[in-house]
Amino acid sequence: MQNYVKKSLEELVEEMRKIHSDFKVIDTEKVVVAEWVRWKCTFGCKAYGKHLNCPPFVPSVEETRKLLKCYSKAILARFEAKKNLSVHPSRIHHYLWESIRSMHEKMFELERFAFVSGYHKAFAFYALPCSFCEKCVAEELNSLDHNIKRLCRNQIKVRPSMEAAGIDVFQTARNAGYKVKVLASPDEEVQFFGLLLLE
């Protein structure tokens, strides 16, 4: 096994900006976790039970709290969405599909880069339901059985969405210095946030 020298956080951040430039380094104490977030994700989202990075397939809110205690720093990355105007906004996942997919790919790339740079605990959280497959195996099999996760076609890349894990994205983004608000219309600019835990 080859020995790697862990990059300093400053060096890592500078190099990661070549992958995606719009992010802020924050203390994990600024990441807010709350039970109500998971409830909103479970009741009110059409994707419930259809994607392996969403409830009920992801760890509990309490497990998210425990995970955050293993880290002192995080990167909160912001992405601007492009809309597919040929799709009705009520089908939000498909309306924003390409942007969601791009954000998931970038967050995975950031995690991978941090990992090979000596940050072996690096772990990413995405936003919104998984986009790596046109249709998730959970929806194909119409199953809420956790064992179907072993059938995932993209096990290496799939990560939980922040909201699915109980992370209050609005307050966490505000704590990081981003200005965010609830959108009143699909015509407004859409932003996504991804989180990368580092230690």
N, C-alpha and C. Protein backbone atom coordinates (compact mmCIF):
# COMPACT_ATOMS: atom_id res chain seq x y z
N MET A 1 0.85 -1.19 0.00
CA MET A 1 0.00 0.00 0.00
C MET A 1 0.89 1.24 0.00
N GLN A 2 0.63 2.11 -0.94
CA GLN A 2 1.44 3.32 -1.06
C GLN A 2 1.03 4.34 0.00
N ASN A 3 2.01 5.06 0.55
CA ASN A 3 1.72 6.09 1.53
C ASN A 3 1.38 7.39 0.83
N TYR A 4 0.26 7.98 1.24
CA TYR A 4 -0.15 9.27 0.68
C TYR A 4 -0.02 10.34 1.74
N VAL A 5 0.38 11.52 1.33
CA VAL A 5 0.45 12.65 2.24
C VAL A 5 -0.87 13.41 2.15
N LYS A 6 -1.52 13.56 3.28
CA LYS A 6 -2.80 14.27 3.31
C LYS A 6 -2.58 15.74 3.01
N LYS A 7 -3.36 16.27 2.08
CA LYS A 7 -3.25 17.69 1.74
C LYS A 7 -3.82 18.53 2.87
N SER A 8 -3.32 19.73 3.00
CA SER A 8 -3.91 20.65 3.97
C SER A 8 -5.30 21.01 3.48
N LEU A 9 -6.15 21.43 4.41
CA LEU A 9 -7.51 21.82 4.03
C LEU A 9 -7.48 22.96 3.02
N GLU A 10 -6.57 23.90 3.20
CA GLU A 10 -6.46 25.04 2.29
C GLU A 10 -6.10 24.57 0.87
N GLU A 11 -5.15 23.66 0.79
CA GLU A 11 -4.73 23.12 -0.51
C GLU A 11 -5.87 22.32 -1.15
N LEU A 12 -6.54 21.51 -0.34
CA LEU A 12 -7.66 20.72 -0.84
C LEU A 12 -8.74 21.63 -1.41
N VAL A 13 -9.11 22.65 -0.66
CA VAL A 13 -10.17 23.58 -1.08
C VAL A 13 -9.79 24.27 -2.39
N GLU A 14 -8.56 24.72 -2.48
CA GLU A 14 -8.10 25.40 -3.69
C GLU A 14 -8.21 24.48 -4.92
N GLU A 15 -7.83 23.23 -4.76
CA GLU A 15 -7.88 22.29 -5.88
C GLU A 15 -9.32 21.87 -6.20
N MET A 16 -10.16 21.79 -5.17
CA MET A 16 -11.55 21.40 -5.40
C MET A 16 -12.32 22.47 -6.17
N ARG A 17 -11.88 23.70 -6.07
CA ARG A 17 -12.56 24.77 -6.80
C ARG A 17 -12.41 24.60 -8.31
N LYS A 18 -11.46 23.79 -8.74
CA LYS A 18 -11.34 23.48 -10.17
C LYS A 18 -12.44 22.53 -10.62
N ILE A 19 -12.99 21.78 -9.67
CA ILE A 19 -14.09 20.86 -9.96
C ILE A 19 -15.42 21.61 -9.90
N HIS A 20 -15.60 22.39 -8.84
CA HIS A 20 -16.81 23.20 -8.66
C HIS A 20 -16.43 24.38 -7.77
N SER A 21 -16.70 25.58 -8.24
CA SER A 21 -16.17 26.76 -7.53
C SER A 21 -17.10 27.36 -6.49
N ASP A 22 -18.40 27.09 -6.56
CA ASP A 22 -19.36 27.75 -5.67
C ASP A 22 -19.61 26.91 -4.43
N PHE A 23 -18.75 27.06 -3.44
CA PHE A 23 -18.97 26.37 -2.17
C PHE A 23 -18.31 27.14 -1.04
N LYS A 24 -18.74 26.82 0.18
CA LYS A 24 -18.19 27.42 1.37
C LYS A 24 -17.78 26.32 2.34
N VAL A 25 -16.65 26.55 3.01
CA VAL A 25 -16.19 25.62 4.05
C VAL A 25 -16.84 26.06 5.36
N ILE A 26 -17.47 25.13 6.04
CA ILE A 26 -18.15 25.46 7.30
C ILE A 26 -17.77 24.44 8.37
N ASP A 27 -17.97 24.83 9.62
CA ASP A 27 -17.86 23.89 10.72
C ASP A 27 -19.11 23.03 10.72
N THR A 28 -19.00 21.76 11.04
CA THR A 28 -20.17 20.89 11.03
C THR A 28 -21.21 21.31 12.07
N GLU A 29 -20.81 22.12 13.04
CA GLU A 29 -21.78 22.64 14.01
C GLU A 29 -22.85 23.50 13.34
N LYS A 30 -22.55 24.00 12.14
CA LYS A 30 -23.52 24.83 11.40
C LYS A 30 -24.52 24.00 10.61
N VAL A 31 -24.29 22.69 10.55
CA VAL A 31 -25.22 21.81 9.85
C VAL A 31 -26.36 21.49 10.81
N VAL A 32 -27.57 21.86 10.43
CA VAL A 32 -28.74 21.71 11.30
C VAL A 32 -29.50 20.43 10.92
N VAL A 33 -29.76 19.62 11.92
CA VAL A 33 -30.51 18.37 11.72
C VAL A 33 -31.78 18.46 12.57
N ALA A 34 -32.93 18.13 11.96
CA ALA A 34 -34.20 18.23 12.67
C ALA A 34 -35.17 17.16 12.21
N GLU A 35 -35.96 16.65 13.13
CA GLU A 35 -36.92 15.60 12.83
C GLU A 35 -37.94 16.04 11.78
N TRP A 36 -38.38 17.31 11.84
CA TRP A 36 -39.45 17.76 10.92
C TRP A 36 -39.03 17.63 9.46
N VAL A 37 -37.73 17.73 9.20
CA VAL A 37 -37.27 17.66 7.80
C VAL A 37 -37.57 16.28 7.22
N ARG A 38 -37.27 15.24 7.97
CA ARG A 38 -37.53 13.88 7.51
C ARG A 38 -39.03 13.65 7.32
N TRP A 39 -39.83 14.23 8.21
CA TRP A 39 -41.28 14.09 8.09
C TRP A 39 -41.78 14.73 6.81
N LYS A 40 -41.23 15.90 6.47
CA LYS A 40 -41.62 16.57 5.22
C LYS A 40 -41.22 15.72 4.03
N CYS A 41 -40.08 15.05 4.15
CA CYS A 41 -39.58 14.21 3.08
C CYS A 41 -40.45 12.96 2.94
N THR A 42 -40.97 12.47 4.05
CA THR A 42 -41.77 11.26 4.05
C THR A 42 -43.22 11.53 3.66
N PHE A 43 -43.75 12.66 4.12
CA PHE A 43 -45.14 13.02 3.82
C PHE A 43 -45.14 14.30 2.98
N GLY A 44 -45.49 14.16 1.71
CA GLY A 44 -45.58 15.34 0.85
C GLY A 44 -44.68 15.28 -0.36
N CYS A 45 -43.80 14.28 -0.42
CA CYS A 45 -42.92 14.16 -1.57
C CYS A 45 -43.34 12.95 -2.40
N LYS A 46 -43.52 13.16 -3.69
CA LYS A 46 -43.95 12.09 -4.60
C LYS A 46 -42.88 11.00 -4.76
N ALA A 47 -41.65 11.29 -4.34
CA ALA A 47 -40.56 10.34 -4.53
C ALA A 47 -40.42 9.35 -3.38
N TYR A 48 -41.26 9.47 -2.35
CA TYR A 48 -41.13 8.57 -1.20
C TYR A 48 -41.16 7.11 -1.66
N GLY A 49 -40.16 6.35 -1.24
CA GLY A 49 -40.11 4.93 -1.54
C GLY A 49 -39.75 4.58 -2.97
N LYS A 50 -39.43 5.59 -3.78
CA LYS A 50 -39.14 5.34 -5.19
C LYS A 50 -37.66 5.42 -5.53
N HIS A 51 -36.86 5.92 -4.59
CA HIS A 51 -35.42 6.11 -4.84
C HIS A 51 -34.64 5.65 -3.61
N LEU A 52 -33.52 5.00 -3.84
CA LEU A 52 -32.75 4.42 -2.74
C LEU A 52 -31.98 5.44 -1.92
N ASN A 53 -32.00 6.73 -2.33
CA ASN A 53 -31.35 7.76 -1.51
C ASN A 53 -32.39 8.57 -0.74
N CYS A 54 -33.62 8.06 -0.70
CA CYS A 54 -34.73 8.73 -0.02
C CYS A 54 -35.32 7.80 1.04
N PRO A 55 -36.15 8.34 1.95
CA PRO A 55 -36.85 7.46 2.89
C PRO A 55 -37.70 6.45 2.13
N PRO A 56 -37.83 5.26 2.65
CA PRO A 56 -37.35 4.78 3.95
C PRO A 56 -35.99 4.09 3.89
N PHE A 57 -35.26 4.28 2.79
CA PHE A 57 -34.03 3.53 2.56
C PHE A 57 -32.78 4.17 3.17
N VAL A 58 -32.88 5.35 3.72
CA VAL A 58 -31.70 6.04 4.24
C VAL A 58 -31.69 6.01 5.77
N PRO A 59 -30.52 6.25 6.37
CA PRO A 59 -30.42 6.24 7.83
C PRO A 59 -31.36 7.25 8.48
N SER A 60 -31.62 7.05 9.75
CA SER A 60 -32.54 7.90 10.50
C SER A 60 -31.92 9.26 10.82
N VAL A 61 -32.75 10.16 11.31
CA VAL A 61 -32.28 11.49 11.72
C VAL A 61 -31.24 11.35 12.84
N GLU A 62 -31.50 10.47 13.79
CA GLU A 62 -30.56 10.27 14.90
C GLU A 62 -29.22 9.74 14.39
N GLU A 63 -29.25 8.86 13.41
CA GLU A 63 -28.01 8.36 12.83
C GLU A 63 -27.25 9.47 12.11
N THR A 64 -27.97 10.40 11.51
CA THR A 64 -27.31 11.55 10.87
C THR A 64 -26.61 12.40 11.91
N ARG A 65 -27.27 12.62 13.04
CA ARG A 65 -26.65 13.39 14.13
C ARG A 65 -25.36 12.71 14.59
N LYS A 66 -25.41 11.40 14.75
CA LYS A 66 -24.22 10.66 15.19
C LYS A 66 -23.11 10.76 14.16
N LEU A 67 -23.46 10.67 12.88
CA LEU A 67 -22.45 10.76 11.82
C LEU A 67 -21.75 12.11 11.86
N LEU A 68 -22.51 13.19 12.02
CA LEU A 68 -21.91 14.53 12.02
C LEU A 68 -20.89 14.71 13.14
N LYS A 69 -21.05 13.98 14.23
CA LYS A 69 -20.10 14.08 15.34
C LYS A 69 -18.73 13.51 14.98
N CYS A 70 -18.65 12.77 13.87
CA CYS A 70 -17.37 12.20 13.41
C CYS A 70 -16.58 13.20 12.57
N TYR A 71 -17.13 14.38 12.33
CA TYR A 71 -16.52 15.36 11.43
C TYR A 71 -16.48 16.74 12.07
N SER A 72 -15.48 17.52 11.70
CA SER A 72 -15.40 18.91 12.18
C SER A 72 -15.65 19.93 11.08
N LYS A 73 -15.41 19.54 9.83
CA LYS A 73 -15.55 20.47 8.70
C LYS A 73 -16.45 19.89 7.63
N ALA A 74 -17.03 20.79 6.86
CA ALA A 74 -17.86 20.38 5.73
C ALA A 74 -17.76 21.43 4.64
N ILE A 75 -18.09 21.02 3.45
CA ILE A 75 -18.20 21.93 2.31
C ILE A 75 -19.66 21.94 1.90
N LEU A 76 -20.24 23.13 1.85
CA LEU A 76 -21.61 23.27 1.37
C LEU A 76 -21.52 23.88 -0.03
N ALA A 77 -21.92 23.11 -1.01
CA ALA A 77 -21.79 23.54 -2.41
C ALA A 77 -23.15 23.95 -2.97
N ARG A 78 -23.15 25.06 -3.71
CA ARG A 78 -24.38 25.56 -4.32
C ARG A 78 -24.34 25.32 -5.83
N PHE A 79 -25.49 24.93 -6.37
CA PHE A 79 -25.63 24.68 -7.81
C PHE A 79 -26.87 25.41 -8.32
N GLU A 80 -26.74 26.02 -9.48
CA GLU A 80 -27.89 26.67 -10.10
C GLU A 80 -28.52 25.71 -11.10
N ALA A 81 -29.84 25.60 -11.05
CA ALA A 81 -30.54 24.63 -11.89
C ALA A 81 -30.97 25.24 -13.22
N LYS A 82 -30.94 24.39 -14.23
CA LYS A 82 -31.51 24.75 -15.53
C LYS A 82 -32.76 23.90 -15.70
N LYS A 83 -33.81 24.51 -16.20
CA LYS A 83 -35.10 23.82 -16.30
C LYS A 83 -35.31 23.24 -17.68
N ASN A 84 -35.99 22.11 -17.72
CA ASN A 84 -36.41 21.51 -18.98
C ASN A 84 -37.83 21.99 -19.24
N LEU A 85 -37.96 23.01 -20.07
CA LEU A 85 -39.26 23.65 -20.28
C LEU A 85 -40.24 22.78 -21.05
N SER A 86 -39.79 21.65 -21.56
CA SER A 86 -40.71 20.73 -22.25
C SER A 86 -41.44 19.83 -21.25
N VAL A 87 -41.05 19.93 -19.96
CA VAL A 87 -41.67 19.13 -18.91
C VAL A 87 -42.43 20.07 -17.98
N HIS A 88 -43.61 19.66 -17.54
CA HIS A 88 -44.41 20.50 -16.63
C HIS A 88 -43.71 20.58 -15.26
N PRO A 89 -43.67 21.78 -14.66
CA PRO A 89 -42.99 21.95 -13.36
C PRO A 89 -43.52 21.05 -12.24
N SER A 90 -44.74 20.57 -12.37
CA SER A 90 -45.28 19.68 -11.33
C SER A 90 -44.50 18.36 -11.28
N ARG A 91 -43.83 18.05 -12.37
CA ARG A 91 -42.97 16.85 -12.40
C ARG A 91 -41.53 17.32 -12.11
N ILE A 92 -41.35 17.86 -10.94
CA ILE A 92 -40.12 18.59 -10.57
C ILE A 92 -38.84 17.81 -10.83
N HIS A 93 -38.86 16.53 -10.53
CA HIS A 93 -37.66 15.72 -10.73
C HIS A 93 -37.24 15.71 -12.20
N HIS A 94 -38.21 15.57 -13.09
CA HIS A 94 -37.92 15.53 -14.53
C HIS A 94 -37.72 16.94 -15.11
N TYR A 95 -38.40 17.91 -14.52
CA TYR A 95 -38.28 19.31 -14.92
C TYR A 95 -36.84 19.81 -14.73
N LEU A 96 -36.18 19.26 -13.72
CA LEU A 96 -34.81 19.68 -13.37
C LEU A 96 -33.79 18.55 -13.54
N TRP A 97 -34.18 17.49 -14.24
CA TRP A 97 -33.40 16.25 -14.30
C TRP A 97 -31.92 16.44 -14.60
N GLU A 98 -31.59 17.14 -15.68
CA GLU A 98 -30.18 17.28 -16.08
C GLU A 98 -29.36 18.01 -15.02
N SER A 99 -29.96 19.01 -14.40
CA SER A 99 -29.26 19.76 -13.35
C SER A 99 -29.06 18.92 -12.11
N ILE A 100 -30.07 18.13 -11.77
CA ILE A 100 -29.94 17.23 -10.61
C ILE A 100 -28.83 16.22 -10.87
N ARG A 101 -28.84 15.64 -12.05
CA ARG A 101 -27.82 14.64 -12.41
C ARG A 101 -26.41 15.26 -12.36
N SER A 102 -26.28 16.47 -12.91
CA SER A 102 -24.99 17.15 -12.91
C SER A 102 -24.52 17.42 -11.48
N MET A 103 -25.44 17.84 -10.61
CA MET A 103 -25.09 18.11 -9.22
C MET A 103 -24.66 16.83 -8.51
N HIS A 104 -25.37 15.74 -8.74
CA HIS A 104 -24.99 14.47 -8.12
C HIS A 104 -23.60 14.02 -8.59
N GLU A 105 -23.34 14.17 -9.87
CA GLU A 105 -22.02 13.79 -10.42
C GLU A 105 -20.92 14.64 -9.80
N LYS A 106 -21.17 15.95 -9.68
CA LYS A 106 -20.15 16.86 -9.12
C LYS A 106 -19.88 16.56 -7.65
N MET A 107 -20.94 16.29 -6.89
CA MET A 107 -20.75 15.99 -5.48
C MET A 107 -19.97 14.69 -5.31
N PHE A 108 -20.26 13.71 -6.16
CA PHE A 108 -19.50 12.46 -6.09
C PHE A 108 -18.03 12.71 -6.46
N GLU A 109 -17.81 13.56 -7.46
CA GLU A 109 -16.45 13.88 -7.88
C GLU A 109 -15.69 14.61 -6.76
N LEU A 110 -16.36 15.52 -6.07
CA LEU A 110 -15.73 16.23 -4.95
C LEU A 110 -15.37 15.25 -3.83
N GLU A 111 -16.29 14.33 -3.53
CA GLU A 111 -16.02 13.34 -2.49
C GLU A 111 -14.83 12.47 -2.87
N ARG A 112 -14.82 12.02 -4.11
CA ARG A 112 -13.74 11.15 -4.58
C ARG A 112 -12.40 11.87 -4.53
N PHE A 113 -12.39 13.16 -4.95
CA PHE A 113 -11.15 13.93 -4.94
C PHE A 113 -10.63 14.09 -3.51
N ALA A 114 -11.55 14.40 -2.58
CA ALA A 114 -11.13 14.54 -1.18
C ALA A 114 -10.58 13.22 -0.65
N PHE A 115 -11.23 12.12 -1.01
CA PHE A 115 -10.80 10.80 -0.55
C PHE A 115 -9.37 10.50 -1.00
N VAL A 116 -9.08 10.69 -2.29
CA VAL A 116 -7.73 10.38 -2.79
C VAL A 116 -6.70 11.42 -2.37
N SER A 117 -7.17 12.54 -1.79
CA SER A 117 -6.26 13.57 -1.28
C SER A 117 -5.93 13.37 0.19
N GLY A 118 -6.32 12.22 0.73
CA GLY A 118 -5.97 11.91 2.11
C GLY A 118 -7.11 12.06 3.10
N TYR A 119 -8.28 12.51 2.63
CA TYR A 119 -9.44 12.68 3.51
C TYR A 119 -10.32 11.44 3.38
N HIS A 120 -9.86 10.33 3.95
CA HIS A 120 -10.50 9.03 3.73
C HIS A 120 -11.91 8.94 4.31
N LYS A 121 -12.29 9.87 5.20
CA LYS A 121 -13.63 9.85 5.76
C LYS A 121 -14.62 10.68 4.93
N ALA A 122 -14.16 11.29 3.85
CA ALA A 122 -15.03 12.16 3.04
C ALA A 122 -16.33 11.45 2.69
N PHE A 123 -17.45 12.16 2.90
CA PHE A 123 -18.76 11.58 2.60
C PHE A 123 -19.70 12.68 2.13
N ALA A 124 -20.34 12.45 0.99
CA ALA A 124 -21.21 13.46 0.39
C ALA A 124 -22.68 13.17 0.65
N PHE A 125 -23.43 14.25 0.71
CA PHE A 125 -24.89 14.21 0.70
C PHE A 125 -25.34 14.98 -0.53
N TYR A 126 -26.36 14.45 -1.20
CA TYR A 126 -26.91 15.12 -2.38
C TYR A 126 -28.16 15.90 -2.00
N ALA A 127 -28.84 16.38 -3.01
CA ALA A 127 -30.16 17.00 -2.85
C ALA A 127 -31.11 16.27 -3.79
N LEU A 128 -32.35 16.16 -3.36
CA LEU A 128 -33.40 15.58 -4.19
C LEU A 128 -33.18 14.10 -4.48
N PRO A 129 -34.16 13.44 -5.09
CA PRO A 129 -34.04 12.01 -5.37
C PRO A 129 -32.89 11.71 -6.33
N CYS A 130 -32.39 10.50 -6.24
CA CYS A 130 -31.28 10.05 -7.07
C CYS A 130 -31.64 10.14 -8.56
N SER A 131 -30.64 10.46 -9.37
CA SER A 131 -30.86 10.65 -10.81
C SER A 131 -29.95 9.77 -11.67
N PHE A 132 -29.27 8.81 -11.06
CA PHE A 132 -28.32 8.02 -11.83
C PHE A 132 -28.99 7.01 -12.76
N CYS A 133 -30.23 6.65 -12.46
CA CYS A 133 -30.99 5.76 -13.34
C CYS A 133 -32.29 6.46 -13.75
N GLU A 134 -32.76 6.14 -14.93
CA GLU A 134 -34.05 6.70 -15.37
C GLU A 134 -35.15 6.28 -14.40
N LYS A 135 -35.09 5.04 -13.94
CA LYS A 135 -36.06 4.53 -12.98
C LYS A 135 -35.32 3.68 -11.96
N CYS A 136 -35.47 4.03 -10.70
CA CYS A 136 -34.77 3.32 -9.64
C CYS A 136 -35.36 1.92 -9.45
N VAL A 137 -34.52 1.00 -9.03
CA VAL A 137 -34.94 -0.37 -8.77
C VAL A 137 -36.05 -0.41 -7.70
N ALA A 138 -36.04 0.54 -6.78
CA ALA A 138 -37.08 0.58 -5.74
C ALA A 138 -38.46 0.80 -6.36
N GLU A 139 -38.51 1.68 -7.35
CA GLU A 139 -39.78 1.93 -8.03
C GLU A 139 -40.13 0.77 -8.97
N GLU A 140 -39.12 0.24 -9.65
CA GLU A 140 -39.37 -0.88 -10.57
C GLU A 140 -39.98 -2.08 -9.85
N LEU A 141 -39.45 -2.38 -8.67
CA LEU A 141 -39.92 -3.54 -7.91
C LEU A 141 -41.07 -3.20 -6.97
N ASN A 142 -41.38 -1.90 -6.87
CA ASN A 142 -42.45 -1.42 -5.98
C ASN A 142 -42.29 -2.02 -4.58
N SER A 143 -41.07 -1.86 -4.06
CA SER A 143 -40.75 -2.49 -2.78
C SER A 143 -40.13 -1.48 -1.81
N LEU A 144 -40.50 -1.61 -0.54
CA LEU A 144 -39.90 -0.80 0.51
C LEU A 144 -38.91 -1.62 1.34
N ASP A 145 -38.60 -2.80 0.85
CA ASP A 145 -37.66 -3.71 1.53
C ASP A 145 -36.23 -3.16 1.38
N HIS A 146 -35.56 -2.96 2.50
CA HIS A 146 -34.20 -2.41 2.47
C HIS A 146 -33.21 -3.33 1.76
N ASN A 147 -33.51 -4.59 1.66
CA ASN A 147 -32.60 -5.53 0.99
C ASN A 147 -32.43 -5.24 -0.49
N ILE A 148 -33.37 -4.49 -1.09
CA ILE A 148 -33.23 -4.22 -2.52
C ILE A 148 -32.08 -3.26 -2.81
N LYS A 149 -31.53 -2.64 -1.76
CA LYS A 149 -30.38 -1.75 -1.99
C LYS A 149 -29.22 -2.49 -2.64
N ARG A 150 -29.14 -3.78 -2.39
CA ARG A 150 -28.06 -4.57 -3.01
C ARG A 150 -28.25 -4.70 -4.51
N LEU A 151 -29.44 -4.38 -5.03
CA LEU A 151 -29.72 -4.45 -6.46
C LEU A 151 -29.47 -3.12 -7.17
N CYS A 152 -29.09 -2.11 -6.43
CA CYS A 152 -28.85 -0.78 -7.01
C CYS A 152 -27.79 -0.88 -8.12
N ARG A 153 -28.06 -0.24 -9.24
CA ARG A 153 -27.13 -0.29 -10.38
C ARG A 153 -25.98 0.71 -10.23
N ASN A 154 -26.08 1.61 -9.24
CA ASN A 154 -25.04 2.63 -9.04
C ASN A 154 -24.64 2.73 -7.57
N GLN A 155 -24.42 1.58 -6.94
CA GLN A 155 -24.13 1.55 -5.51
C GLN A 155 -22.93 2.41 -5.13
N ILE A 156 -21.95 2.49 -5.99
CA ILE A 156 -20.74 3.26 -5.67
C ILE A 156 -21.04 4.75 -5.58
N LYS A 157 -21.98 5.23 -6.39
CA LYS A 157 -22.23 6.67 -6.47
C LYS A 157 -23.39 7.17 -5.62
N VAL A 158 -24.35 6.34 -5.30
CA VAL A 158 -25.54 6.82 -4.60
C VAL A 158 -25.21 7.28 -3.19
N ARG A 159 -25.70 8.46 -2.84
CA ARG A 159 -25.56 9.02 -1.50
C ARG A 159 -26.93 9.55 -1.07
N PRO A 160 -27.20 9.62 0.23
CA PRO A 160 -28.49 10.13 0.67
C PRO A 160 -28.65 11.61 0.34
N SER A 161 -29.88 12.01 0.13
CA SER A 161 -30.12 13.44 -0.02
C SER A 161 -30.09 14.06 1.37
N MET A 162 -29.72 15.32 1.44
CA MET A 162 -29.63 15.99 2.73
C MET A 162 -30.97 15.95 3.46
N GLU A 163 -32.03 16.29 2.74
CA GLU A 163 -33.35 16.36 3.37
C GLU A 163 -33.82 14.98 3.83
N ALA A 164 -33.49 13.94 3.05
CA ALA A 164 -33.89 12.57 3.43
C ALA A 164 -33.26 12.16 4.75
N ALA A 165 -32.05 12.66 5.00
CA ALA A 165 -31.32 12.32 6.23
C ALA A 165 -31.66 13.24 7.39
N GLY A 166 -32.57 14.20 7.15
CA GLY A 166 -33.00 15.09 8.22
C GLY A 166 -32.22 16.39 8.32
N ILE A 167 -31.43 16.73 7.31
CA ILE A 167 -30.66 17.98 7.35
C ILE A 167 -31.54 19.12 6.86
N ASP A 168 -31.66 20.15 7.68
CA ASP A 168 -32.42 21.35 7.34
C ASP A 168 -31.55 22.18 6.38
N VAL A 169 -31.80 22.02 5.10
CA VAL A 169 -30.97 22.67 4.08
C VAL A 169 -31.10 24.18 4.14
N PHE A 170 -32.31 24.68 4.37
CA PHE A 170 -32.52 26.12 4.44
C PHE A 170 -31.66 26.75 5.53
N GLN A 171 -31.77 26.22 6.75
CA GLN A 171 -31.02 26.82 7.86
C GLN A 171 -29.53 26.58 7.73
N THR A 172 -29.14 25.43 7.23
CA THR A 172 -27.71 25.15 7.04
C THR A 172 -27.12 26.10 6.02
N ALA A 173 -27.83 26.35 4.92
CA ALA A 173 -27.36 27.28 3.90
C ALA A 173 -27.28 28.69 4.46
N ARG A 174 -28.26 29.08 5.23
CA ARG A 174 -28.22 30.43 5.85
C ARG A 174 -27.05 30.53 6.83
N ASN A 175 -26.82 29.47 7.59
CA ASN A 175 -25.68 29.46 8.54
C ASN A 175 -24.35 29.60 7.80
N ALA A 176 -24.31 29.14 6.55
CA ALA A 176 -23.08 29.23 5.75
C ALA A 176 -22.95 30.58 5.05
N GLY A 177 -24.01 31.40 5.12
CA GLY A 177 -23.94 32.73 4.50
C GLY A 177 -24.64 32.84 3.15
N TYR A 178 -25.33 31.78 2.74
CA TYR A 178 -26.10 31.85 1.49
C TYR A 178 -27.48 32.44 1.77
N LYS A 179 -28.01 33.16 0.80
CA LYS A 179 -29.37 33.69 0.93
C LYS A 179 -30.31 32.74 0.21
N VAL A 180 -31.21 32.16 0.95
CA VAL A 180 -32.16 31.20 0.37
C VAL A 180 -33.57 31.55 0.83
N LYS A 181 -34.52 31.14 0.01
CA LYS A 181 -35.93 31.36 0.36
C LYS A 181 -36.77 30.27 -0.27
N VAL A 182 -37.97 30.12 0.24
CA VAL A 182 -38.93 29.19 -0.36
C VAL A 182 -39.43 29.81 -1.65
N LEU A 183 -39.45 29.01 -2.71
CA LEU A 183 -39.90 29.53 -4.00
C LEU A 183 -41.42 29.52 -4.07
N ALA A 184 -41.97 30.61 -4.57
CA ALA A 184 -43.42 30.74 -4.68
C ALA A 184 -43.92 30.35 -6.06
N SER A 185 -42.99 30.23 -7.02
CA SER A 185 -43.39 29.93 -8.39
C SER A 185 -42.29 29.13 -9.08
N PRO A 186 -42.66 28.23 -10.00
CA PRO A 186 -41.64 27.48 -10.74
C PRO A 186 -40.83 28.36 -11.68
N ASP A 187 -41.26 29.60 -11.88
CA ASP A 187 -40.53 30.53 -12.74
C ASP A 187 -39.30 31.11 -12.05
N GLU A 188 -39.25 31.00 -10.73
CA GLU A 188 -38.12 31.56 -9.98
C GLU A 188 -36.88 30.70 -10.14
N GLU A 189 -35.72 31.33 -9.88
CA GLU A 189 -34.45 30.61 -9.99
C GLU A 189 -34.36 29.52 -8.93
N VAL A 190 -33.95 28.34 -9.36
CA VAL A 190 -33.83 27.18 -8.47
C VAL A 190 -32.36 26.95 -8.14
N GLN A 191 -32.09 26.73 -6.86
CA GLN A 191 -30.74 26.40 -6.41
C GLN A 191 -30.78 25.06 -5.69
N PHE A 192 -29.71 24.29 -5.83
CA PHE A 192 -29.53 23.06 -5.09
C PHE A 192 -28.31 23.23 -4.18
N PHE A 193 -28.29 22.46 -3.12
CA PHE A 193 -27.12 22.43 -2.25
C PHE A 193 -26.71 20.98 -2.00
N GLY A 194 -25.41 20.76 -2.00
CA GLY A 194 -24.85 19.47 -1.65
C GLY A 194 -23.89 19.67 -0.48
N LEU A 195 -23.69 18.65 0.29
CA LEU A 195 -22.84 18.74 1.48
C LEU A 195 -21.77 17.67 1.42
N LEU A 196 -20.54 18.07 1.69
CA LEU A 196 -19.43 17.12 1.75
C LEU A 196 -18.79 17.20 3.12
N LEU A 197 -18.83 16.11 3.86
CA LEU A 197 -18.23 16.05 5.20
C LEU A 197 -16.75 15.70 5.07
N LEU A 198 -15.92 16.40 5.85
CA LEU A 198 -14.47 16.20 5.78
C LEU A 198 -13.87 16.09 7.17
N GLU A 199 -12.84 15.30 7.27
CA GLU A 199 -12.09 15.21 8.53
C GLU A 199 -10.65 14.85 8.20
